[in-house]
């Protein structure tokens, strides 16, 4: 996370190593939740994935990562930032903003 925040992407500032590491952290947390029932929202990791996907030129993945970071923000009980992020999130068919009860 420190290297990502510093935009030190690795060899020649390639963001793909950061994408791999951040996605791996989320995958391990998801597996732990399924096996142990221990949930971690990983807010900082999910927020960083948005900027890394943007840096890598993957707007669709950045969009999905933004949605996941909004959900993590809600799970972390950061409701004011979550409401603002939801209000700014573009409406689409895949993500039901209204079901979350804010961002209207």
PDB file of N, CA and C in Angstrom:
ATOM      1  N   UNK A   1       0.818  -1.190   0.000  1.00  0.00           N
ATOM      2  CA  UNK A   1       0.000   0.000   0.000  1.00  0.00           C
ATOM      3  C   UNK A   1       0.865   1.257   0.000  1.00  0.00           C
ATOM      4  N   UNK A   2       1.966   1.208   0.719  1.00  0.00           N
ATOM      5  CA  UNK A   2       2.848   2.371   0.779  1.00  0.00           C
ATOM      6  C   UNK A   2       3.385   2.699  -0.612  1.00  0.00           C
ATOM      7  N   UNK A   3       3.852   1.695  -1.332  1.00  0.00           N
ATOM      8  CA  UNK A   3       4.386   1.933  -2.675  1.00  0.00           C
ATOM      9  C   UNK A   3       3.301   2.436  -3.625  1.00  0.00           C
ATOM     10  N   UNK A   4       2.096   1.918  -3.473  1.00  0.00           N
ATOM     11  CA  UNK A   4       0.992   2.379  -4.321  1.00  0.00           C
ATOM     12  C   UNK A   4       0.685   3.838  -4.042  1.00  0.00           C
ATOM     13  N   UNK A   5       0.625   4.208  -2.771  1.00  0.00           N
ATOM     14  CA  UNK A   5       0.356   5.596  -2.414  1.00  0.00           C
ATOM     15  C   UNK A   5       1.443   6.529  -2.943  1.00  0.00           C
ATOM     16  N   UNK A   6       2.670   6.029  -3.021  1.00  0.00           N
ATOM     17  CA  UNK A   6       3.780   6.830  -3.542  1.00  0.00           C
ATOM     18  C   UNK A   6       3.863   6.762  -5.065  1.00  0.00           C
ATOM     19  N   UNK A   7       2.948   6.011  -5.675  1.00  0.00           N
ATOM     20  CA  UNK A   7       2.925   5.794  -7.128  1.00  0.00           C
ATOM     21  C   UNK A   7       4.222   5.144  -7.614  1.00  0.00           C
ATOM     22  N   UNK A   8       4.795   4.308  -6.744  1.00  0.00           N
ATOM     23  CA  UNK A   8       5.977   3.518  -7.118  1.00  0.00           C
ATOM     24  C   UNK A   8       5.459   2.163  -7.565  1.00  0.00           C
ATOM     25  N   UNK A   9       5.182   2.058  -8.824  1.00  0.00           N
ATOM     26  CA  UNK A   9       4.485   0.899  -9.371  1.00  0.00           C
ATOM     27  C   UNK A   9       5.396  -0.291  -9.613  1.00  0.00           C
ATOM     28  N   UNK A  10       6.662  -0.150  -9.502  1.00  0.00           N
ATOM     29  CA  UNK A  10       7.565  -1.252  -9.815  1.00  0.00           C
ATOM     30  C   UNK A  10       8.443  -0.868 -10.996  1.00  0.00           C
ATOM     31  N   UNK A  11       8.895  -1.854 -11.742  1.00  0.00           N
ATOM     32  CA  UNK A  11       9.745  -1.598 -12.903  1.00  0.00           C
ATOM     33  C   UNK A  11       9.076  -0.622 -13.863  1.00  0.00           C
ATOM     34  N   UNK A  12       9.750   0.450 -14.157  1.00  0.00           N
ATOM     35  CA  UNK A  12       9.280   1.462 -15.099  1.00  0.00           C
ATOM     36  C   UNK A  12       7.875   1.972 -14.746  1.00  0.00           C
ATOM     37  N   UNK A  13       7.555   1.990 -13.470  1.00  0.00           N
ATOM     38  CA  UNK A  13       6.275   2.498 -12.968  1.00  0.00           C
ATOM     39  C   UNK A  13       5.087   1.796 -13.614  1.00  0.00           C
ATOM     40  N   UNK A  14       5.179   0.487 -13.752  1.00  0.00           N
ATOM     41  CA  UNK A  14       4.126  -0.344 -14.301  1.00  0.00           C
ATOM     42  C   UNK A  14       3.132  -0.664 -13.177  1.00  0.00           C
ATOM     43  N   UNK A  15       1.851  -0.315 -13.333  1.00  0.00           N
ATOM     44  CA  UNK A  15       0.886  -0.510 -12.250  1.00  0.00           C
ATOM     45  C   UNK A  15       0.405  -1.947 -12.077  1.00  0.00           C
ATOM     46  N   UNK A  16       0.794  -2.873 -12.954  1.00  0.00           N
ATOM     47  CA  UNK A  16       0.226  -4.212 -12.898  1.00  0.00           C
ATOM     48  C   UNK A  16       0.643  -4.997 -11.656  1.00  0.00           C
ATOM     49  N   UNK A  17       1.823  -4.759 -11.131  1.00  0.00           N
ATOM     50  CA  UNK A  17       2.213  -5.402  -9.882  1.00  0.00           C
ATOM     51  C   UNK A  17       1.328  -4.944  -8.733  1.00  0.00           C
ATOM     52  N   UNK A  18       1.022  -3.654  -8.705  1.00  0.00           N
ATOM     53  CA  UNK A  18       0.141  -3.116  -7.656  1.00  0.00           C
ATOM     54  C   UNK A  18      -1.262  -3.686  -7.799  1.00  0.00           C
ATOM     55  N   UNK A  19      -1.742  -3.808  -9.038  1.00  0.00           N
ATOM     56  CA  UNK A  19      -3.073  -4.390  -9.260  1.00  0.00           C
ATOM     57  C   UNK A  19      -3.106  -5.810  -8.703  1.00  0.00           C
ATOM     58  N   UNK A  20      -2.097  -6.592  -9.018  1.00  0.00           N
ATOM     59  CA  UNK A  20      -2.047  -7.970  -8.545  1.00  0.00           C
ATOM     60  C   UNK A  20      -2.063  -8.030  -7.019  1.00  0.00           C
ATOM     61  N   UNK A  21      -1.206  -7.249  -6.376  1.00  0.00           N
ATOM     62  CA  UNK A  21      -1.096  -7.294  -4.914  1.00  0.00           C
ATOM     63  C   UNK A  21      -2.391  -6.846  -4.235  1.00  0.00           C
ATOM     64  N   UNK A  22      -3.002  -5.772  -4.736  1.00  0.00           N
ATOM     65  CA  UNK A  22      -4.243  -5.279  -4.132  1.00  0.00           C
ATOM     66  C   UNK A  22      -5.388  -6.270  -4.337  1.00  0.00           C
ATOM     67  N   UNK A  23      -5.475  -6.833  -5.533  1.00  0.00           N
ATOM     68  CA  UNK A  23      -6.523  -7.828  -5.794  1.00  0.00           C
ATOM     69  C   UNK A  23      -6.312  -9.082  -4.951  1.00  0.00           C
ATOM     70  N   UNK A  24      -5.064  -9.466  -4.759  1.00  0.00           N
ATOM     71  CA  UNK A  24      -4.768 -10.629  -3.928  1.00  0.00           C
ATOM     72  C   UNK A  24      -5.215 -10.385  -2.483  1.00  0.00           C
ATOM     73  N   UNK A  25      -4.990  -9.198  -1.972  1.00  0.00           N
ATOM     74  CA  UNK A  25      -5.422  -8.879  -0.605  1.00  0.00           C
ATOM     75  C   UNK A  25      -6.937  -8.999  -0.474  1.00  0.00           C
ATOM     76  N   UNK A  26      -7.665  -8.521  -1.473  1.00  0.00           N
ATOM     77  CA  UNK A  26      -9.126  -8.615  -1.440  1.00  0.00           C
ATOM     78  C   UNK A  26      -9.568 -10.075  -1.552  1.00  0.00           C
ATOM     79  N   UNK A  27      -8.925 -10.834  -2.420  1.00  0.00           N
ATOM     80  CA  UNK A  27      -9.280 -12.246  -2.597  1.00  0.00           C
ATOM     81  C   UNK A  27      -9.061 -13.033  -1.300  1.00  0.00           C
ATOM     82  N   UNK A  28      -7.935 -12.809  -0.652  1.00  0.00           N
ATOM     83  CA  UNK A  28      -7.646 -13.519   0.601  1.00  0.00           C
ATOM     84  C   UNK A  28      -8.675 -13.143   1.672  1.00  0.00           C
ATOM     85  N   UNK A  29      -9.026 -11.873   1.743  1.00  0.00           N
ATOM     86  CA  UNK A  29     -10.035 -11.437   2.721  1.00  0.00           C
ATOM     87  C   UNK A  29     -11.392 -12.070   2.417  1.00  0.00           C
ATOM     88  N   UNK A  30     -11.750 -12.171   1.141  1.00  0.00           N
ATOM     89  CA  UNK A  30     -13.020 -12.808   0.761  1.00  0.00           C
ATOM     90  C   UNK A  30     -13.022 -14.290   1.138  1.00  0.00           C
ATOM     91  N   UNK A  31     -11.903 -14.970   0.894  1.00  0.00           N
ATOM     92  CA  UNK A  31     -11.807 -16.383   1.256  1.00  0.00           C
ATOM     93  C   UNK A  31     -11.879 -16.569   2.771  1.00  0.00           C
ATOM     94  N   UNK A  32     -11.246 -15.672   3.488  1.00  0.00           N
ATOM     95  CA  UNK A  32     -11.284 -15.760   4.954  1.00  0.00           C
ATOM     96  C   UNK A  32     -12.719 -15.562   5.461  1.00  0.00           C
ATOM     97  N   UNK A  33     -13.439 -14.646   4.833  1.00  0.00           N
ATOM     98  CA  UNK A  33     -14.830 -14.425   5.231  1.00  0.00           C
ATOM     99  C   UNK A  33     -15.662 -15.685   4.994  1.00  0.00           C
ATOM    100  N   UNK A  34     -15.458 -16.327   3.847  1.00  0.00           N
ATOM    101  CA  UNK A  34     -16.211 -17.543   3.531  1.00  0.00           C
ATOM    102  C   UNK A  34     -15.868 -18.684   4.482  1.00  0.00           C
ATOM    103  N   UNK A  35     -14.608 -18.828   4.848  1.00  0.00           N
ATOM    104  CA  UNK A  35     -14.171 -19.944   5.692  1.00  0.00           C
ATOM    105  C   UNK A  35     -14.397 -19.685   7.171  1.00  0.00           C
ATOM    106  N   UNK A  36     -14.092 -18.468   7.626  1.00  0.00           N
ATOM    107  CA  UNK A  36     -14.075 -18.185   9.056  1.00  0.00           C
ATOM    108  C   UNK A  36     -15.185 -17.251   9.516  1.00  0.00           C
ATOM    109  N   UNK A  37     -15.872 -16.617   8.575  1.00  0.00           N
ATOM    110  CA  UNK A  37     -16.898 -15.655   8.954  1.00  0.00           C
ATOM    111  C   UNK A  37     -16.310 -14.340   9.448  1.00  0.00           C
ATOM    112  N   UNK A  38     -15.015 -14.131   9.216  1.00  0.00           N
ATOM    113  CA  UNK A  38     -14.347 -12.893   9.635  1.00  0.00           C
ATOM    114  C   UNK A  38     -14.333 -11.923   8.472  1.00  0.00           C
ATOM    115  N   UNK A  39     -15.042 -10.814   8.615  1.00  0.00           N
ATOM    116  CA  UNK A  39     -15.180  -9.854   7.522  1.00  0.00           C
ATOM    117  C   UNK A  39     -14.266  -8.656   7.729  1.00  0.00           C
ATOM    118  N   UNK A  40     -13.564  -8.278   6.673  1.00  0.00           N
ATOM    119  CA  UNK A  40     -12.718  -7.090   6.680  1.00  0.00           C
ATOM    120  C   UNK A  40     -13.130  -6.230   5.490  1.00  0.00           C
ATOM    121  N   UNK A  41     -13.567  -4.998   5.700  1.00  0.00           N
ATOM    122  CA  UNK A  41     -13.958  -4.167   4.555  1.00  0.00           C
ATOM    123  C   UNK A  41     -12.789  -3.742   3.675  1.00  0.00           C
ATOM    124  N   UNK A  42     -11.566  -3.667   4.230  1.00  0.00           N
ATOM    125  CA  UNK A  42     -10.363  -3.285   3.484  1.00  0.00           C
ATOM    126  C   UNK A  42     -10.556  -1.978   2.718  1.00  0.00           C
ATOM    127  N   UNK A  43     -11.061  -0.989   3.407  1.00  0.00           N
ATOM    128  CA  UNK A  43     -11.376   0.292   2.772  1.00  0.00           C
ATOM    129  C   UNK A  43     -10.185   0.889   2.033  1.00  0.00           C
ATOM    130  N   UNK A  44      -9.043   0.984   2.676  1.00  0.00           N
ATOM    131  CA  UNK A  44      -7.876   1.609   2.040  1.00  0.00           C
ATOM    132  C   UNK A  44      -7.434   0.835   0.805  1.00  0.00           C
ATOM    133  N   UNK A  45      -7.455  -0.481   0.877  1.00  0.00           N
ATOM    134  CA  UNK A  45      -7.057  -1.313  -0.267  1.00  0.00           C
ATOM    135  C   UNK A  45      -8.012  -1.090  -1.427  1.00  0.00           C
ATOM    136  N   UNK A  46      -9.305  -1.094  -1.138  1.00  0.00           N
ATOM    137  CA  UNK A  46     -10.301  -0.935  -2.200  1.00  0.00           C
ATOM    138  C   UNK A  46     -10.262   0.463  -2.803  1.00  0.00           C
ATOM    139  N   UNK A  47      -9.957   1.467  -1.997  1.00  0.00           N
ATOM    140  CA  UNK A  47      -9.809   2.820  -2.541  1.00  0.00           C
ATOM    141  C   UNK A  47      -8.579   2.918  -3.441  1.00  0.00           C
ATOM    142  N   UNK A  48      -7.487   2.282  -3.034  1.00  0.00           N
ATOM    143  CA  UNK A  48      -6.275   2.308  -3.851  1.00  0.00           C
ATOM    144  C   UNK A  48      -6.466   1.612  -5.191  1.00  0.00           C
ATOM    145  N   UNK A  49      -7.286   0.549  -5.204  1.00  0.00           N
ATOM    146  CA  UNK A  49      -7.511  -0.154  -6.475  1.00  0.00           C
ATOM    147  C   UNK A  49      -8.109   0.779  -7.529  1.00  0.00           C
ATOM    148  N   UNK A  50      -8.930   1.721  -7.109  1.00  0.00           N
ATOM    149  CA  UNK A  50      -9.531   2.666  -8.061  1.00  0.00           C
ATOM    150  C   UNK A  50      -8.432   3.447  -8.773  1.00  0.00           C
ATOM    151  N   UNK A  51      -7.524   4.039  -8.008  1.00  0.00           N
ATOM    152  CA  UNK A  51      -6.473   4.857  -8.625  1.00  0.00           C
ATOM    153  C   UNK A  51      -5.502   4.023  -9.442  1.00  0.00           C
ATOM    154  N   UNK A  52      -5.230   2.789  -9.022  1.00  0.00           N
ATOM    155  CA  UNK A  52      -4.309   1.939  -9.770  1.00  0.00           C
ATOM    156  C   UNK A  52      -4.933   1.527 -11.103  1.00  0.00           C
ATOM    157  N   UNK A  53      -6.203   1.161 -11.090  1.00  0.00           N
ATOM    158  CA  UNK A  53      -6.872   0.826 -12.353  1.00  0.00           C
ATOM    159  C   UNK A  53      -6.921   2.039 -13.288  1.00  0.00           C
ATOM    160  N   UNK A  54      -7.143   3.216 -12.723  1.00  0.00           N
ATOM    161  CA  UNK A  54      -7.138   4.428 -13.552  1.00  0.00           C
ATOM    162  C   UNK A  54      -5.754   4.635 -14.155  1.00  0.00           C
ATOM    163  N   UNK A  55      -4.712   4.468 -13.352  1.00  0.00           N
ATOM    164  CA  UNK A  55      -3.340   4.643 -13.832  1.00  0.00           C
ATOM    165  C   UNK A  55      -2.991   3.625 -14.914  1.00  0.00           C
ATOM    166  N   UNK A  56      -3.596   2.440 -14.831  1.00  0.00           N
ATOM    167  CA  UNK A  56      -3.318   1.381 -15.805  1.00  0.00           C
ATOM    168  C   UNK A  56      -4.172   1.530 -17.066  1.00  0.00           C
ATOM    169  N   UNK A  57      -5.088   2.492 -17.068  1.00  0.00           N
ATOM    170  CA  UNK A  57      -5.935   2.700 -18.245  1.00  0.00           C
ATOM    171  C   UNK A  57      -7.063   1.694 -18.367  1.00  0.00           C
ATOM    172  N   UNK A  58      -7.639   1.297 -17.227  1.00  0.00           N
ATOM    173  CA  UNK A  58      -8.763   0.353 -17.206  1.00  0.00           C
ATOM    174  C   UNK A  58      -9.990   1.025 -16.588  1.00  0.00           C
ATOM    175  N   UNK A  59     -10.689   1.881 -17.339  1.00  0.00           N
ATOM    176  CA  UNK A  59     -11.816   2.614 -16.743  1.00  0.00           C
ATOM    177  C   UNK A  59     -12.958   1.725 -16.256  1.00  0.00           C
ATOM    178  N   UNK A  60     -13.227   0.612 -16.939  1.00  0.00           N
ATOM    179  CA  UNK A  60     -14.316  -0.269 -16.505  1.00  0.00           C
ATOM    180  C   UNK A  60     -13.991  -0.904 -15.155  1.00  0.00           C
ATOM    181  N   UNK A  61     -12.755  -1.344 -15.003  1.00  0.00           N
ATOM    182  CA  UNK A  61     -12.339  -1.947 -13.737  1.00  0.00           C
ATOM    183  C   UNK A  61     -12.266  -0.888 -12.643  1.00  0.00           C
ATOM    184  N   UNK A  62     -11.867   0.323 -13.000  1.00  0.00           N
ATOM    185  CA  UNK A  62     -11.840   1.417 -12.025  1.00  0.00           C
ATOM    186  C   UNK A  62     -13.252   1.728 -11.542  1.00  0.00           C
ATOM    187  N   UNK A  63     -14.218   1.685 -12.462  1.00  0.00           N
ATOM    188  CA  UNK A  63     -15.622   1.931 -12.123  1.00  0.00           C
ATOM    189  C   UNK A  63     -16.120   0.884 -11.129  1.00  0.00           C
ATOM    190  N   UNK A  64     -15.845  -0.396 -11.404  1.00  0.00           N
ATOM    191  CA  UNK A  64     -16.257  -1.469 -10.490  1.00  0.00           C
ATOM    192  C   UNK A  64     -15.517  -1.363  -9.164  1.00  0.00           C
ATOM    193  N   UNK A  65     -14.241  -1.026  -9.206  1.00  0.00           N
ATOM    194  CA  UNK A  65     -13.469  -0.861  -7.974  1.00  0.00           C
ATOM    195  C   UNK A  65     -14.019   0.303  -7.144  1.00  0.00           C
ATOM    196  N   UNK A  66     -14.474   1.350  -7.820  1.00  0.00           N
ATOM    197  CA  UNK A  66     -15.085   2.477  -7.106  1.00  0.00           C
ATOM    198  C   UNK A  66     -16.344   2.025  -6.382  1.00  0.00           C
ATOM    199  N   UNK A  67     -17.176   1.221  -7.048  1.00  0.00           N
ATOM    200  CA  UNK A  67     -18.382   0.699  -6.401  1.00  0.00           C
ATOM    201  C   UNK A  67     -18.000  -0.126  -5.164  1.00  0.00           C
ATOM    202  N   UNK A  68     -16.989  -0.994  -5.308  1.00  0.00           N
ATOM    203  CA  UNK A  68     -16.553  -1.812  -4.184  1.00  0.00           C
ATOM    204  C   UNK A  68     -15.998  -0.950  -3.050  1.00  0.00           C
ATOM    205  N   UNK A  69     -15.340   0.146  -3.396  1.00  0.00           N
ATOM    206  CA  UNK A  69     -14.812   1.027  -2.340  1.00  0.00           C
ATOM    207  C   UNK A  69     -15.942   1.778  -1.640  1.00  0.00           C
ATOM    208  N   UNK A  70     -17.004   2.102  -2.369  1.00  0.00           N
ATOM    209  CA  UNK A  70     -18.173   2.741  -1.745  1.00  0.00           C
ATOM    210  C   UNK A  70     -18.811   1.780  -0.744  1.00  0.00           C
ATOM    211  N   UNK A  71     -18.975   0.526  -1.139  1.00  0.00           N
ATOM    212  CA  UNK A  71     -19.534  -0.471  -0.215  1.00  0.00           C
ATOM    213  C   UNK A  71     -18.649  -0.643   1.014  1.00  0.00           C
ATOM    214  N   UNK A  72     -17.343  -0.637   0.814  1.00  0.00           N
ATOM    215  CA  UNK A  72     -16.409  -0.750   1.946  1.00  0.00           C
ATOM    216  C   UNK A  72     -16.492   0.480   2.838  1.00  0.00           C
ATOM    217  N   UNK A  73     -16.721   1.641   2.235  1.00  0.00           N
ATOM    218  CA  UNK A  73     -16.877   2.870   3.018  1.00  0.00           C
ATOM    219  C   UNK A  73     -18.110   2.772   3.904  1.00  0.00           C
ATOM    220  N   UNK A  74     -19.203   2.251   3.360  1.00  0.00           N
ATOM    221  CA  UNK A  74     -20.426   2.046   4.151  1.00  0.00           C
ATOM    222  C   UNK A  74     -20.155   1.036   5.258  1.00  0.00           C
ATOM    223  N   UNK A  75     -19.503  -0.078   4.911  1.00  0.00           N
ATOM    224  CA  UNK A  75     -19.197  -1.110   5.908  1.00  0.00           C
ATOM    225  C   UNK A  75     -18.300  -0.587   7.021  1.00  0.00           C
ATOM    226  N   UNK A  76     -17.476   0.408   6.710  1.00  0.00           N
ATOM    227  CA  UNK A  76     -16.586   1.006   7.704  1.00  0.00           C
ATOM    228  C   UNK A  76     -17.275   2.106   8.500  1.00  0.00           C
ATOM    229  N   UNK A  77     -18.572   2.291   8.237  1.00  0.00           N
ATOM    230  CA  UNK A  77     -19.395   3.288   8.908  1.00  0.00           C
ATOM    231  C   UNK A  77     -18.918   4.710   8.671  1.00  0.00           C
ATOM    232  N   UNK A  78     -18.346   4.926   7.500  1.00  0.00           N
ATOM    233  CA  UNK A  78     -17.949   6.260   7.050  1.00  0.00           C
ATOM    234  C   UNK A  78     -19.103   6.775   6.189  1.00  0.00           C
ATOM    235  N   UNK A  79     -20.221   7.107   6.823  1.00  0.00           N
ATOM    236  CA  UNK A  79     -21.458   7.332   6.069  1.00  0.00           C
ATOM    237  C   UNK A  79     -21.483   8.634   5.272  1.00  0.00           C
ATOM    238  N   UNK A  80     -20.908   9.695   5.795  1.00  0.00           N
ATOM    239  CA  UNK A  80     -20.895  10.944   5.028  1.00  0.00           C
ATOM    240  C   UNK A  80     -20.072  10.817   3.750  1.00  0.00           C
ATOM    241  N   UNK A  81     -18.829  10.288   3.827  1.00  0.00           N
ATOM    242  CA  UNK A  81     -18.087  10.090   2.572  1.00  0.00           C
ATOM    243  C   UNK A  81     -18.777   9.103   1.628  1.00  0.00           C
ATOM    244  N   UNK A  82     -19.428   8.086   2.188  1.00  0.00           N
ATOM    245  CA  UNK A  82     -20.132   7.114   1.342  1.00  0.00           C
ATOM    246  C   UNK A  82     -21.285   7.775   0.610  1.00  0.00           C
ATOM    247  N   UNK A  83     -22.032   8.608   1.314  1.00  0.00           N
ATOM    248  CA  UNK A  83     -23.161   9.283   0.679  1.00  0.00           C
ATOM    249  C   UNK A  83     -22.695  10.211  -0.438  1.00  0.00           C
ATOM    250  N   UNK A  84     -21.596  10.925  -0.214  1.00  0.00           N
ATOM    251  CA  UNK A  84     -21.065  11.801  -1.259  1.00  0.00           C
ATOM    252  C   UNK A  84     -20.579  10.985  -2.454  1.00  0.00           C
ATOM    253  N   UNK A  85     -19.870   9.895  -2.187  1.00  0.00           N
ATOM    254  CA  UNK A  85     -19.372   9.047  -3.273  1.00  0.00           C
ATOM    255  C   UNK A  85     -20.525   8.440  -4.060  1.00  0.00           C
ATOM    256  N   UNK A  86     -21.578   8.026  -3.369  1.00  0.00           N
ATOM    257  CA  UNK A  86     -22.749   7.481  -4.066  1.00  0.00           C
ATOM    258  C   UNK A  86     -23.429   8.534  -4.926  1.00  0.00           C
ATOM    259  N   UNK A  87     -23.520   9.759  -4.410  1.00  0.00           N
ATOM    260  CA  UNK A  87     -24.141  10.830  -5.178  1.00  0.00           C
ATOM    261  C   UNK A  87     -23.359  11.099  -6.464  1.00  0.00           C
ATOM    262  N   UNK A  88     -22.036  10.963  -6.405  1.00  0.00           N
ATOM    263  CA  UNK A  88     -21.180  11.209  -7.571  1.00  0.00           C
ATOM    264  C   UNK A  88     -21.073  10.001  -8.496  1.00  0.00           C
ATOM    265  N   UNK A  89     -21.458   8.819  -8.009  1.00  0.00           N
ATOM    266  CA  UNK A  89     -21.326   7.595  -8.800  1.00  0.00           C
ATOM    267  C   UNK A  89     -22.365   7.594  -9.918  1.00  0.00           C
ATOM    268  N   UNK A  90     -21.943   7.379 -11.166  1.00  0.00           N
ATOM    269  CA  UNK A  90     -22.900   7.397 -12.270  1.00  0.00           C
ATOM    270  C   UNK A  90     -23.904   6.250 -12.166  1.00  0.00           C
ATOM    271  N   UNK A  91     -25.149   6.552 -12.443  1.00  0.00           N
ATOM    272  CA  UNK A  91     -26.195   5.540 -12.390  1.00  0.00           C
ATOM    273  C   UNK A  91     -26.016   4.582 -13.558  1.00  0.00           C
ATOM    274  N   UNK A  92     -26.111   3.283 -13.270  1.00  0.00           N
ATOM    275  CA  UNK A  92     -26.034   2.283 -14.316  1.00  0.00           C
ATOM    276  C   UNK A  92     -26.888   1.086 -13.919  1.00  0.00           C
ATOM    277  N   UNK A  93     -27.048   0.154 -14.835  1.00  0.00           N
ATOM    278  CA  UNK A  93     -27.921  -0.999 -14.612  1.00  0.00           C
ATOM    279  C   UNK A  93     -27.327  -2.025 -13.657  1.00  0.00           C
ATOM    280  N   UNK A  94     -26.015  -2.033 -13.491  1.00  0.00           N
ATOM    281  CA  UNK A  94     -25.358  -3.064 -12.684  1.00  0.00           C
ATOM    282  C   UNK A  94     -25.279  -2.736 -11.195  1.00  0.00           C
ATOM    283  N   UNK A  95     -25.425  -1.479 -10.843  1.00  0.00           N
ATOM    284  CA  UNK A  95     -25.235  -1.067  -9.455  1.00  0.00           C
ATOM    285  C   UNK A  95     -26.469  -0.303  -8.978  1.00  0.00           C
ATOM    286  N   UNK A  96     -27.143  -0.841  -7.981  1.00  0.00           N
ATOM    287  CA  UNK A  96     -28.396  -0.265  -7.490  1.00  0.00           C
ATOM    288  C   UNK A  96     -28.119   0.697  -6.336  1.00  0.00           C
ATOM    289  N   UNK A  97     -27.885   1.953  -6.694  1.00  0.00           N
ATOM    290  CA  UNK A  97     -27.617   2.980  -5.677  1.00  0.00           C
ATOM    291  C   UNK A  97     -28.805   3.155  -4.741  1.00  0.00           C
ATOM    292  N   UNK A  98     -30.014   3.114  -5.300  1.00  0.00           N
ATOM    293  CA  UNK A  98     -31.209   3.370  -4.506  1.00  0.00           C
ATOM    294  C   UNK A  98     -31.415   2.315  -3.414  1.00  0.00           C
ATOM    295  N   UNK A  99     -30.990   1.086  -3.667  1.00  0.00           N
ATOM    296  CA  UNK A  99     -31.153   0.018  -2.677  1.00  0.00           C
ATOM    297  C   UNK A  99     -30.316   0.286  -1.419  1.00  0.00           C
ATOM    298  N   UNK A 100     -29.283   1.103  -1.566  1.00  0.00           N
ATOM    299  CA  UNK A 100     -28.437   1.416  -0.410  1.00  0.00           C
ATOM    300  C   UNK A 100     -29.037   2.504   0.477  1.00  0.00           C
ATOM    301  N   UNK A 101     -30.044   3.189  -0.038  1.00  0.00           N
ATOM    302  CA  UNK A 101     -30.765   4.157   0.776  1.00  0.00           C
ATOM    303  C   UNK A 101     -30.096   5.503   0.931  1.00  0.00           C
ATOM    304  N   UNK A 102     -29.072   5.774   0.150  1.00  0.00           N
ATOM    305  CA  UNK A 102     -28.456   7.092   0.176  1.00  0.00           C
ATOM    306  C   UNK A 102     -27.934   7.406  -1.201  1.00  0.00           C
ATOM    307  N   UNK A 103     -27.443   8.609  -1.416  1.00  0.00           N
ATOM    308  CA  UNK A 103     -26.933   9.008  -2.707  1.00  0.00           C
ATOM    309  C   UNK A 103     -28.003   9.410  -3.689  1.00  0.00           C
ATOM    310  N   UNK A 104     -29.181   9.750  -3.159  1.00  0.00           N
ATOM    311  CA  UNK A 104     -30.285  10.149  -4.043  1.00  0.00           C
ATOM    312  C   UNK A 104     -30.285  11.631  -4.278  1.00  0.00           C
TER     313      UNK A 104
END
